[in-house]
Amino acid sequence: MIPMISSPRISSTRLTLAASAGACALALGVCAPALAGQQDKATVSVFHGIPGMTVDVYANGDELIGDFKPGTVSDPRSLTAGTYDIQIFEAGEGPGGTPALEKKIEVPEGANATVAAHLSADGEPELTTFTNDVSQVDAGKARLTVRHVAAAPAVDVRAGGQPVFSNLTNPKEDTAEVDAGSLNTDVVLAGTNTVAIGPADLKLSASTSNVVYAWGSAEDKNLALATQTFSGMASSPRGVG
């Protein structure tokens, strides 16, 4: 059973970030070298982690993702480096209506990142950008990254009943290399055996980078996991700039 937590109700709440948020710039971290002939490109994904709202995502007035449902990660998309005005509308209301969420993001050359629309620990909608580590992993291994983007307190992530990540708070992430194969995982309240999400079996292929998003709202009892997998990873990624 998911414990009740004192935080605002979310399931029927519209996103109400002020339009002035559009004046903010959100820089995406650089994680992989630009390939020859693609120096002006970047790779960007979007994760929709706000329960109760199907949305359309626009970039500079053009639809980027339509009918985007909660718990969904978009396919990575190659974009020309530059500044993008990202607008999120309830499905069918854009681009002529008022966006539910709007923010400018700066996409530098060579970036590989995921922009997550999610709830803060207190249940407020927000945008967080994560750099995706697509460097090679050792033979027989897989990279596992867990991102806490839920309206919930600190958690521990366990595999086979043993902690892999401890005291993970929103909107932080943690990463480890693990043996490729199937992992039986769950998410518990930090320092306890109280299960918040799971158990769930994760299938991790060798030489892949796997991102797990813990999202939703503890109070609304809709906490869930979503996954994103990267393969064919670069051999010598550049650090975050």
Protein backbone atom coordinates (compact mmCIF):
# COMPACT_ATOMS: atom_id res chain seq x y z
CA MET A 1 0.00 0.00 0.00
CA ILE A 2 1.27 3.46 -0.85
CA PRO A 3 1.35 5.69 2.23
CA MET A 4 -0.64 8.90 2.32
CA ILE A 5 1.52 11.99 2.20
CA SER A 6 0.55 15.56 2.94
CA SER A 7 0.75 17.25 -0.47
CA PRO A 8 -1.66 19.06 -2.81
CA ARG A 9 -4.20 17.05 -4.85
CA ILE A 10 -2.94 16.64 -8.38
CA SER A 11 -5.24 14.39 -10.40
CA SER A 12 -7.63 17.15 -11.52
CA THR A 13 -5.28 20.12 -11.31
CA ARG A 14 -4.33 22.07 -14.46
CA LEU A 15 -0.75 23.17 -14.90
CA THR A 16 -0.64 26.83 -13.94
CA LEU A 17 2.95 27.95 -14.28
CA ALA A 18 3.06 31.66 -15.05
CA ALA A 19 3.69 32.72 -18.62
CA SER A 20 6.78 34.53 -17.36
CA ALA A 21 8.42 31.12 -17.07
CA GLY A 22 8.82 31.34 -20.83
CA ALA A 23 11.55 33.89 -20.27
CA CYS A 24 13.70 31.31 -18.51
CA ALA A 25 16.36 29.38 -20.40
CA LEU A 26 16.89 25.70 -19.64
CA ALA A 27 20.30 24.52 -20.84
CA LEU A 28 20.70 20.90 -21.87
CA GLY A 29 23.94 19.23 -20.77
CA VAL A 30 26.36 17.99 -23.44
CA CYS A 31 27.02 14.26 -23.15
CA ALA A 32 28.29 12.94 -26.50
CA PRO A 33 30.61 14.30 -29.17
CA ALA A 34 29.07 15.72 -32.31
CA LEU A 35 29.54 13.40 -35.28
CA ALA A 36 31.16 14.58 -38.50
CA GLY A 37 28.56 16.42 -40.55
CA GLN A 38 26.25 16.74 -37.55
CA GLN A 39 28.03 19.41 -35.54
CA ASP A 40 24.87 21.50 -35.37
CA LYS A 41 22.64 18.68 -34.12
CA ALA A 42 21.45 17.52 -30.70
CA THR A 43 19.35 14.59 -29.47
CA VAL A 44 16.37 15.40 -27.27
CA SER A 45 13.65 13.26 -25.69
CA VAL A 46 10.65 14.32 -23.61
CA PHE A 47 9.15 12.48 -20.64
CA HIS A 48 5.56 13.25 -19.60
CA GLY A 49 5.29 12.52 -15.88
CA ILE A 50 2.31 14.63 -14.80
CA PRO A 51 -0.76 12.46 -14.09
CA GLY A 52 -4.21 13.16 -15.40
CA MET A 53 -3.49 15.22 -18.51
CA THR A 54 -2.92 14.22 -22.14
CA VAL A 55 -1.00 17.00 -23.86
CA ASP A 56 0.39 18.30 -27.14
CA VAL A 57 3.97 19.58 -27.12
CA TYR A 58 4.99 22.42 -29.44
CA ALA A 59 8.45 23.76 -30.26
CA ASN A 60 8.70 27.23 -31.82
CA GLY A 61 5.04 27.02 -32.83
CA ASP A 62 5.28 23.61 -34.52
CA GLU A 63 3.85 20.44 -33.04
CA LEU A 64 6.64 18.25 -31.68
CA ILE A 65 4.55 15.56 -29.97
CA GLY A 66 0.79 15.10 -30.22
CA ASP A 67 -1.64 13.27 -27.93
CA PHE A 68 1.16 12.71 -25.40
CA LYS A 69 -0.06 10.57 -22.51
CA PRO A 70 1.28 10.52 -18.93
CA GLY A 71 3.99 7.96 -18.30
CA THR A 72 5.25 8.16 -21.89
CA VAL A 73 8.80 8.87 -23.08
CA SER A 74 9.13 10.19 -26.62
CA ASP A 75 11.60 8.67 -29.06
CA PRO A 76 14.91 10.55 -29.19
CA ARG A 77 14.75 13.23 -31.85
CA SER A 78 17.57 14.95 -33.68
CA LEU A 79 17.14 18.72 -33.48
CA THR A 80 19.18 21.56 -34.83
CA ALA A 81 21.06 23.20 -31.97
CA GLY A 82 19.55 26.50 -30.86
CA THR A 83 16.82 28.02 -28.71
CA TYR A 84 13.35 26.47 -28.61
CA ASP A 85 10.17 27.90 -27.14
CA ILE A 86 8.53 24.80 -25.68
CA GLN A 87 4.78 25.04 -25.11
CA ILE A 88 2.63 22.34 -23.55
CA PHE A 89 -1.13 22.42 -24.17
CA GLU A 90 -3.92 20.16 -23.06
CA ALA A 91 -4.53 17.92 -26.08
CA GLY A 92 -6.37 19.75 -28.84
CA GLU A 93 -6.06 23.25 -27.32
CA GLY A 94 -2.92 24.48 -29.09
CA PRO A 95 -1.40 26.41 -30.59
CA GLY A 96 -4.09 29.09 -30.52
CA GLY A 97 -4.94 28.66 -26.86
CA THR A 98 -3.08 29.47 -23.67
CA PRO A 99 -0.29 26.98 -22.94
CA ALA A 100 -0.50 25.09 -19.68
CA LEU A 101 3.28 25.24 -19.43
CA GLU A 102 5.82 27.24 -21.42
CA LYS A 103 9.56 27.57 -21.21
CA LYS A 104 12.48 28.38 -23.47
CA ILE A 105 15.22 25.78 -23.67
CA GLU A 106 18.69 26.15 -25.12
CA VAL A 107 19.85 23.06 -27.02
CA PRO A 108 23.65 23.10 -27.51
CA GLU A 109 25.49 21.13 -30.15
CA GLY A 110 26.08 17.47 -29.31
CA ALA A 111 23.57 17.34 -26.45
CA ASN A 112 21.78 14.12 -25.53
CA ALA A 113 19.16 14.95 -22.95
CA THR A 114 15.64 14.27 -21.76
CA VAL A 115 13.32 17.08 -20.70
CA ALA A 116 10.97 15.78 -17.99
CA ALA A 117 7.63 17.44 -17.26
CA HIS A 118 6.82 16.12 -13.79
CA LEU A 119 5.68 16.89 -10.26
CA SER A 120 7.92 18.30 -7.57
CA ALA A 121 8.10 16.62 -4.17
CA ASP A 122 5.33 19.02 -3.09
CA GLY A 123 3.14 18.21 -6.08
CA GLU A 124 3.83 21.27 -8.22
CA PRO A 125 4.40 20.83 -11.99
CA GLU A 126 7.88 21.63 -13.22
CA LEU A 127 10.43 20.94 -15.94
CA THR A 128 13.77 19.27 -15.26
CA THR A 129 16.44 18.44 -17.84
CA PHE A 130 18.58 15.34 -17.43
CA THR A 131 21.75 14.52 -19.36
CA ASN A 132 21.67 10.99 -20.75
CA ASP A 133 24.89 9.03 -20.26
CA VAL A 134 25.33 7.08 -23.50
CA SER A 135 28.97 6.06 -22.96
CA GLN A 136 29.95 2.41 -23.36
CA VAL A 137 29.60 -0.01 -20.45
CA ASP A 138 31.69 -3.09 -19.65
CA ALA A 139 30.97 -6.39 -21.42
CA GLY A 140 28.01 -8.21 -19.89
CA LYS A 141 26.93 -5.10 -18.02
CA ALA A 142 24.12 -2.56 -18.37
CA ARG A 143 23.80 0.96 -17.01
CA LEU A 144 20.84 1.58 -14.70
CA THR A 145 19.80 5.13 -13.88
CA VAL A 146 16.84 5.95 -11.63
CA ARG A 147 15.27 9.43 -11.70
CA HIS A 148 12.95 10.47 -8.87
CA VAL A 149 10.33 12.76 -10.44
CA ALA A 150 7.33 11.92 -8.25
CA ALA A 151 5.37 13.85 -5.65
CA ALA A 152 6.78 11.65 -2.91
CA PRO A 153 9.45 11.75 -0.19
CA ALA A 154 12.96 10.28 -0.41
CA VAL A 155 13.13 6.66 -1.52
CA ASP A 156 15.47 3.69 -1.73
CA VAL A 157 15.57 1.56 -4.89
CA ARG A 158 16.15 -2.15 -4.29
CA ALA A 159 17.05 -5.10 -6.51
CA GLY A 160 16.43 -8.55 -5.09
CA GLY A 161 15.60 -6.91 -1.78
CA GLN A 162 18.98 -5.17 -1.52
CA PRO A 163 19.40 -1.39 -1.87
CA VAL A 164 20.97 -0.23 -5.13
CA PHE A 165 20.29 3.48 -4.58
CA SER A 166 19.56 5.06 -1.20
CA ASN A 167 17.84 8.26 -0.07
CA LEU A 168 17.01 9.46 -3.59
CA THR A 169 15.06 12.72 -3.55
CA ASN A 170 13.06 14.59 -6.20
CA PRO A 171 14.38 15.64 -8.76
CA LYS A 172 17.67 13.76 -8.32
CA GLU A 173 19.04 10.72 -10.14
CA ASP A 174 21.58 8.01 -9.42
CA THR A 175 23.42 5.59 -11.70
CA ALA A 176 25.20 2.24 -11.43
CA GLU A 177 26.49 -0.48 -13.73
CA VAL A 178 24.79 -3.81 -13.04
CA ASP A 179 24.84 -7.29 -14.56
CA ALA A 180 22.74 -7.52 -17.70
CA GLY A 181 19.61 -9.62 -17.39
CA SER A 182 16.40 -9.47 -15.39
CA LEU A 183 16.26 -7.49 -12.13
CA ASN A 184 13.41 -7.77 -9.66
CA THR A 185 13.12 -4.26 -8.27
CA ASP A 186 10.96 -2.19 -5.98
CA VAL A 187 10.94 1.33 -4.56
CA VAL A 188 10.56 1.80 -0.80
CA LEU A 189 10.40 4.82 1.48
CA ALA A 190 13.98 5.71 2.44
CA GLY A 191 15.26 3.69 5.38
CA THR A 192 12.16 1.47 5.57
CA ASN A 193 10.63 -1.65 4.00
CA THR A 194 7.45 0.23 3.05
CA VAL A 195 6.96 -0.43 -0.65
CA ALA A 196 5.85 2.59 -2.69
CA ILE A 197 6.22 1.11 -6.19
CA GLY A 198 6.57 -2.47 -7.37
CA PRO A 199 7.83 -5.06 -7.36
CA ALA A 200 8.63 -4.91 -11.07
CA ASP A 201 10.93 -6.93 -13.31
CA LEU A 202 13.39 -4.88 -15.36
CA LYS A 203 14.98 -6.54 -18.38
CA LEU A 204 18.38 -4.97 -18.99
CA SER A 205 20.17 -5.95 -22.19
CA ALA A 206 23.95 -5.95 -22.29
CA SER A 207 25.64 -2.75 -23.50
CA THR A 208 22.55 -0.59 -23.00
CA SER A 209 21.84 2.45 -20.86
CA ASN A 210 18.48 2.19 -19.08
CA VAL A 211 16.67 5.05 -17.36
CA VAL A 212 13.80 4.40 -14.95
CA TYR A 213 11.50 7.26 -13.96
CA ALA A 214 9.61 7.01 -10.67
CA TRP A 215 6.67 9.37 -11.30
CA GLY A 216 3.16 10.26 -10.18
CA SER A 217 1.72 11.26 -6.82
CA ALA A 218 1.91 9.31 -3.56
CA GLU A 219 -1.19 11.06 -2.21
CA ASP A 220 -3.21 10.17 -5.27
CA LYS A 221 -1.89 6.59 -5.12
CA ASN A 222 -0.79 6.60 -8.76
CA LEU A 223 2.97 6.18 -8.39
CA ALA A 224 4.43 4.24 -11.30
CA LEU A 225 7.60 3.48 -13.27
CA ALA A 226 8.47 4.40 -16.85
CA THR A 227 11.59 3.31 -18.71
CA GLN A 228 13.83 4.72 -21.43
CA THR A 229 16.59 2.68 -23.11
CA PHE A 230 19.57 3.78 -25.18
CA SER A 231 21.67 1.38 -27.27
CA GLY A 232 24.49 1.77 -29.80
CA MET A 233 26.27 4.05 -27.37
CA ALA A 234 29.23 6.29 -28.12
CA SER A 235 32.75 5.12 -27.31
CA SER A 236 34.16 8.37 -25.91
CA PRO A 237 31.41 10.73 -24.71
CA ARG A 238 32.21 14.31 -23.81
CA GLY A 239 31.43 15.51 -20.30
CA VAL A 240 28.63 17.85 -19.37
CA GLY A 241 29.46 21.40 -20.34
